[in-house]
Amino acid sequence: MDVSYANPFIVSTIETFKKMLNIEGKTGKLSLKSNSAYTYDVSGVIGLSGEAQGAICLSFPKEVALKAVSALLGMEIKEMGPDVSDGIGELVNIVAGNAKQYLTKYSLSISLPKVIIGKDLQLAPTKGVPTLVVPFISSLGEFAIEISLKTPETK
């Protein structure tokens, strides 16, 4: 399985967190997701369509989501609410938009972001398309990006 399409999303996540939040993020060990449950409590999901189809999901524990949105907005956010949903949606939108420019051969379009709050919620995966989980370690805490993309090369 060629997962080179994941690299633009990984680089975009690192760059977005550095530029928008002034946070250094480092990747952990990549793995294939074995079930369809979200990794953490707060997840921003964006659909991808065009000559490839799929989705990316930026997923955070609640405490890390609060810290990330606080850094993004430049003010402390102490509880879950519209600011957190908007902030996480904006982060996943920036990550997807920046990564898209490196995947021009797929003519990708991105959907509006959806933010899901809750643990162990299920997302129905695209049949036969693996989801790559990329954990990140940062000064805010751990978070992950999940990438699932069915390309013309996917067998």
Protein backbone atom coordinates (compact mmCIF):
# COMPACT_ATOMS: atom_id res chain seq x y z
CA MET A 1 0.00 0.00 0.00
CA ASP A 2 1.42 3.39 -1.03
CA VAL A 3 0.69 5.95 1.67
CA SER A 4 2.72 8.78 0.13
CA TYR A 5 -0.54 10.76 -0.15
CA ALA A 6 -0.42 11.07 3.66
CA ASN A 7 2.79 13.12 3.63
CA PRO A 8 1.11 16.40 2.57
CA PHE A 9 -1.37 16.06 5.46
CA ILE A 10 1.42 15.35 7.94
CA VAL A 11 3.52 18.31 6.74
CA SER A 12 0.45 20.56 6.69
CA THR A 13 -0.44 19.59 10.28
CA ILE A 14 3.08 20.40 11.48
CA GLU A 15 3.16 23.72 9.58
CA THR A 16 -0.36 24.74 10.67
CA PHE A 17 0.38 24.15 14.34
CA LYS A 18 3.69 26.02 14.08
CA LYS A 19 2.26 29.04 12.20
CA MET A 20 -1.21 29.31 13.74
CA LEU A 21 -0.57 28.11 17.32
CA ASN A 22 3.19 28.61 17.70
CA ILE A 23 3.39 24.93 18.71
CA GLU A 24 5.96 22.37 17.57
CA GLY A 25 4.42 19.01 16.80
CA LYS A 26 6.32 15.78 16.20
CA THR A 27 4.88 12.62 14.74
CA GLY A 28 4.76 9.36 16.60
CA LYS A 29 4.59 5.89 15.06
CA LEU A 30 2.10 5.64 12.20
CA SER A 31 -0.41 2.80 12.25
CA LEU A 32 -3.45 1.50 10.44
CA LYS A 33 -6.71 2.03 12.30
CA SER A 34 -8.32 -1.24 13.31
CA ASN A 35 -11.82 0.07 14.02
CA SER A 36 -14.00 3.04 13.08
CA ALA A 37 -14.11 4.76 16.50
CA TYR A 38 -12.67 8.24 16.80
CA THR A 39 -9.36 8.37 18.59
CA TYR A 40 -10.18 11.17 21.04
CA ASP A 41 -13.02 13.34 22.45
CA VAL A 42 -13.09 16.18 19.90
CA SER A 43 -12.69 15.52 16.19
CA GLY A 44 -12.78 17.77 13.15
CA VAL A 45 -13.62 15.87 9.97
CA ILE A 46 -13.37 17.04 6.37
CA GLY A 47 -14.44 15.05 3.33
CA LEU A 48 -12.27 14.85 0.23
CA SER A 49 -13.62 14.32 -3.28
CA GLY A 50 -12.37 14.46 -6.85
CA GLU A 51 -10.21 11.86 -8.56
CA ALA A 52 -9.62 10.48 -5.06
CA GLN A 53 -12.18 10.22 -2.25
CA GLY A 54 -11.92 10.02 1.48
CA ALA A 55 -11.66 12.06 4.63
CA ILE A 56 -9.25 13.42 7.19
CA CYS A 57 -9.95 13.68 10.87
CA LEU A 58 -8.01 15.83 13.32
CA SER A 59 -8.73 14.36 16.75
CA PHE A 60 -7.93 15.69 20.26
CA PRO A 61 -8.51 14.80 23.89
CA LYS A 62 -10.83 17.43 25.40
CA GLU A 63 -8.03 19.15 27.36
CA VAL A 64 -5.78 19.40 24.29
CA ALA A 65 -8.64 20.73 22.16
CA LEU A 66 -9.24 23.48 24.73
CA LYS A 67 -5.52 24.38 24.75
CA ALA A 68 -5.27 24.31 20.94
CA VAL A 69 -8.28 26.60 20.47
CA SER A 70 -7.01 28.89 23.24
CA ALA A 71 -3.69 29.20 21.37
CA LEU A 72 -5.50 29.76 18.06
CA LEU A 73 -7.75 32.50 19.47
CA GLY A 74 -5.15 34.06 21.76
CA MET A 75 -7.43 33.81 24.78
CA GLU A 76 -8.11 31.11 27.33
CA ILE A 77 -11.04 28.83 26.56
CA LYS A 78 -12.03 26.86 29.66
CA GLU A 79 -15.07 24.87 28.54
CA MET A 80 -16.49 23.14 25.51
CA GLY A 81 -18.75 25.27 23.36
CA PRO A 82 -19.07 27.02 19.99
CA ASP A 83 -15.54 28.50 20.19
CA VAL A 84 -14.05 25.02 20.44
CA SER A 85 -16.16 23.66 17.58
CA ASP A 86 -15.32 26.64 15.38
CA GLY A 87 -11.61 26.48 16.25
CA ILE A 88 -11.22 22.75 15.62
CA GLY A 89 -13.20 23.10 12.39
CA GLU A 90 -10.90 25.90 11.28
CA LEU A 91 -7.76 23.89 12.10
CA VAL A 92 -8.87 20.84 10.09
CA ASN A 93 -9.94 23.15 7.24
CA ILE A 94 -6.48 24.78 7.14
CA VAL A 95 -4.71 21.41 7.27
CA ALA A 96 -6.84 20.01 4.43
CA GLY A 97 -6.54 23.15 2.32
CA ASN A 98 -2.77 23.32 2.66
CA ALA A 99 -2.34 19.60 1.93
CA LYS A 100 -4.60 19.83 -1.13
CA GLN A 101 -2.08 22.01 -2.97
CA TYR A 102 0.40 19.10 -2.96
CA LEU A 103 -2.13 16.59 -4.26
CA THR A 104 -3.08 18.37 -7.50
CA LYS A 105 -3.00 15.15 -9.52
CA TYR A 106 -6.21 14.13 -7.68
CA SER A 107 -8.11 17.41 -8.34
CA LEU A 108 -9.36 17.34 -4.77
CA SER A 109 -12.22 19.36 -3.38
CA ILE A 110 -12.77 19.63 0.35
CA SER A 111 -16.10 19.69 2.15
CA LEU A 112 -17.09 21.98 4.97
CA PRO A 113 -15.66 20.75 8.25
CA LYS A 114 -17.78 18.86 10.75
CA VAL A 115 -16.83 18.76 14.42
CA ILE A 116 -17.83 15.78 16.49
CA ILE A 117 -17.65 15.89 20.27
CA GLY A 118 -17.80 12.63 22.17
CA LYS A 119 -15.66 9.57 22.72
CA ASP A 120 -15.92 6.25 20.88
CA LEU A 121 -18.26 7.58 18.21
CA GLN A 122 -18.29 5.57 15.00
CA LEU A 123 -17.50 6.80 11.48
CA ALA A 124 -18.42 4.37 8.74
CA PRO A 125 -15.20 3.83 6.77
CA THR A 126 -15.09 3.65 2.99
CA LYS A 127 -15.09 -0.04 2.13
CA GLY A 128 -11.66 -1.35 1.29
CA VAL A 129 -9.87 1.91 2.15
CA PRO A 130 -7.51 1.78 5.12
CA THR A 131 -7.26 4.66 7.58
CA LEU A 132 -3.78 5.77 8.50
CA VAL A 133 -3.44 7.15 12.04
CA VAL A 134 -0.62 9.64 12.61
CA PRO A 135 -0.15 10.47 16.29
CA PHE A 136 1.41 13.81 17.22
CA ILE A 137 3.19 14.83 20.38
CA SER A 138 3.29 18.52 21.28
CA SER A 139 3.62 20.83 24.26
CA LEU A 140 -0.20 20.94 24.32
CA GLY A 141 -0.42 17.17 24.62
CA GLU A 142 -1.08 14.32 22.22
CA PHE A 143 -3.47 14.44 19.27
CA ALA A 144 -3.81 12.56 15.98
CA ILE A 145 -4.71 12.96 12.36
CA GLU A 146 -6.50 10.13 10.60
CA ILE A 147 -6.20 9.96 6.83
CA SER A 148 -8.34 7.80 4.58
CA LEU A 149 -8.04 8.35 0.85
CA LYS A 150 -9.09 6.08 -1.98
CA THR A 151 -6.86 6.98 -4.90
CA PRO A 152 -6.89 5.55 -8.44
CA GLU A 153 -3.82 3.58 -7.35
CA THR A 154 -5.68 1.94 -4.43
CA LYS A 155 -6.24 -1.71 -5.23
